[in-house]
Protein backbone atom coordinates (compact mmCIF):
# COMPACT_ATOMS: atom_id res chain seq x y z
CA MET A 1 97.25 52.33 80.81
CA SER A 2 99.09 51.73 77.56
CA ASN A 3 96.87 50.27 74.83
CA ILE A 4 99.74 49.67 72.36
CA ASP A 5 103.40 48.68 72.51
CA CYS A 6 105.48 51.85 72.34
CA LYS A 7 108.78 53.42 73.31
CA ILE A 8 108.89 56.48 75.63
CA ASN A 9 112.20 58.22 76.37
CA GLY A 10 114.08 55.10 75.34
CA TYR A 11 111.98 52.74 77.50
CA ASP A 12 109.99 49.90 75.94
CA VAL A 13 106.37 50.06 77.14
CA LYS A 14 104.27 46.93 76.64
CA VAL A 15 100.49 46.80 76.12
CA GLY A 16 98.61 46.92 79.44
CA THR A 17 101.36 48.77 81.33
CA ARG A 18 99.94 51.13 83.95
CA PHE A 19 101.42 54.61 84.27
CA PHE A 20 101.52 56.82 87.32
CA ILE A 21 102.21 60.49 86.70
CA ASN A 22 104.53 62.08 89.25
CA ILE A 23 102.80 65.46 89.60
CA TYR A 24 105.22 66.49 92.35
CA MET A 25 108.14 66.36 89.93
CA ILE A 26 106.21 67.88 87.01
CA MET A 27 105.37 70.94 89.13
CA ARG A 28 109.04 71.24 90.18
CA ASP A 29 110.65 70.83 86.76
CA PRO A 30 113.57 73.32 86.53
CA ASN A 31 113.28 73.19 82.73
CA ARG A 32 109.73 74.58 83.00
CA TYR A 33 109.82 76.79 86.11
CA LYS A 34 112.40 79.28 87.32
CA ASP A 35 113.19 78.50 90.99
CA PRO A 36 110.69 75.59 91.12
CA ASP A 37 111.12 74.99 94.86
CA ARG A 38 110.31 78.60 95.85
CA PHE A 39 106.74 79.60 96.66
CA LEU A 40 105.97 82.04 93.83
CA PRO A 41 102.21 82.04 93.14
CA GLU A 42 102.58 85.10 90.90
CA ARG A 43 104.23 82.87 88.27
CA PHE A 44 100.70 81.65 87.39
CA LEU A 45 99.11 85.10 86.98
CA VAL A 46 98.20 86.22 83.48
CA ASP A 47 99.72 89.62 82.79
CA SER A 48 97.72 91.27 80.02
CA SER A 49 100.83 92.73 78.37
CA VAL A 50 102.38 89.25 78.30
CA ALA A 51 99.12 87.69 77.06
CA ASN A 52 98.97 90.19 74.19
CA ALA A 53 102.49 89.28 73.14
CA GLY A 54 101.40 85.66 72.68
CA ILE A 55 103.48 84.47 75.64
CA ARG A 56 101.75 82.15 78.11
CA PRO A 57 102.50 82.46 81.85
CA GLN A 58 104.62 79.76 83.44
CA GLY A 59 102.67 76.54 83.63
CA GLU A 60 99.54 77.54 81.73
CA SER A 61 98.25 74.33 80.19
CA GLU A 62 96.28 73.72 77.06
CA GLY A 63 94.94 70.40 75.77
CA GLN A 64 97.42 67.59 76.41
CA ASP A 65 100.10 69.91 77.85
CA PHE A 66 100.57 68.51 81.36
CA HIS A 67 103.01 71.01 82.88
CA PHE A 68 100.44 72.49 85.27
CA LEU A 69 98.50 69.91 87.29
CA PRO A 70 97.88 71.24 90.80
CA PHE A 71 94.26 70.06 90.75
CA GLY A 72 94.83 66.78 88.94
CA SER A 73 93.00 65.76 85.80
CA GLY A 74 90.22 63.50 84.56
CA ARG A 75 88.04 61.42 86.88
CA ARG A 76 90.39 61.91 89.81
CA ALA A 77 90.56 65.70 89.52
CA CYS A 78 90.12 67.77 92.66
CA ILE A 79 86.38 68.19 93.32
CA SER A 80 87.05 71.52 95.02
CA ALA A 81 88.45 73.11 91.85
CA SER A 82 84.97 73.80 90.42
CA HIS A 83 83.59 74.59 93.90
CA SER A 84 86.24 77.28 94.38
CA SER A 85 85.10 78.93 91.15
CA PHE A 86 81.52 79.21 92.46
CA VAL A 87 82.70 80.49 95.86
CA MET A 88 84.93 83.06 94.15
CA HIS A 89 81.94 84.60 92.35
CA GLY A 90 79.96 84.91 95.60
CA THR A 91 82.94 86.37 97.43
CA LEU A 92 83.59 88.92 94.70
CA GLY A 93 79.91 89.95 94.78
CA ALA A 94 80.06 90.41 98.57
CA LEU A 95 83.22 92.51 98.28
CA ILE A 96 81.60 94.75 95.68
CA GLN A 97 78.45 95.10 97.81
CA CYS A 98 80.20 95.77 101.13
CA PHE A 99 83.15 97.98 100.17
CA ASP A 100 84.00 101.11 98.21
CA LEU A 101 87.50 101.21 96.76
CA LYS A 102 89.36 104.48 97.21
CA VAL A 103 92.49 105.40 95.27
CA GLN A 104 95.53 105.88 97.44
CA GLY A 105 96.94 109.40 97.26
CA ALA A 106 94.44 110.89 94.78
CA GLU A 107 90.75 111.45 94.29
CA LYS A 108 90.91 110.98 90.53
CA VAL A 109 92.66 108.32 88.51
CA ASP A 110 94.66 109.18 85.41
CA ILE A 111 93.15 106.78 82.88
CA LYS A 112 95.60 107.32 80.04
CA LEU A 113 96.06 103.89 78.56
CA GLY A 114 99.39 102.31 77.74
CA ALA A 115 100.28 100.83 74.38
CA GLY A 116 98.66 97.54 73.41
CA PHE A 117 95.29 96.01 72.61
CA ALA A 118 94.13 95.32 76.18
CA GLY A 119 93.85 98.88 77.45
CA VAL A 120 96.42 98.44 80.21
CA LEU A 121 97.13 101.32 82.60
CA PRO A 122 100.79 102.41 82.33
CA PHE A 123 101.16 102.20 86.14
CA PRO A 124 99.76 99.97 88.89
CA LEU A 125 96.48 101.11 90.47
CA VAL A 126 96.78 101.10 94.28
CA SER A 127 93.51 101.32 96.22
CA TYR A 128 92.18 100.54 99.68
CA PRO A 129 88.76 99.31 100.83
CA VAL A 130 86.34 101.49 102.80
CA THR A 131 83.41 99.73 104.49
CA ARG A 132 80.11 100.70 102.90
CA PHE A 133 77.85 98.01 104.32
CA ASN A 134 78.57 95.56 107.13
CA PRO A 135 76.16 92.61 106.85
CA PHE A 136 77.02 91.49 110.40
CA LYS A 137 75.74 94.76 111.93
CA ALA A 138 72.59 95.07 109.81
């Protein structure tokens, strides 16, 4: 709700005017996202080489930057957003407990690091899970 008279994008906004943010359109802004109508979840991943260059991934928000609002904001934010963070930690712990990760095609991994401050491997690491402990058969 506007608490002062103001002008936004050429529109006069009077005191007491209620605003509704169209999150659907914000998340599909072609000025912000390349191919906004395509399902591309990788656009929100943080690539360490990009992060080191000072470039933020598409849609990463900070402070009052409202370009990325899939979980809402404020009092009406999605209650499952924080829950998913807790579940993720438990799931990751179970994966570490129940599986060994083997490197595809080699027994040893070449750990020469690429250039940069993050210690990034110069090639992608491909691995596959091998069951170590099955809690359902214990």
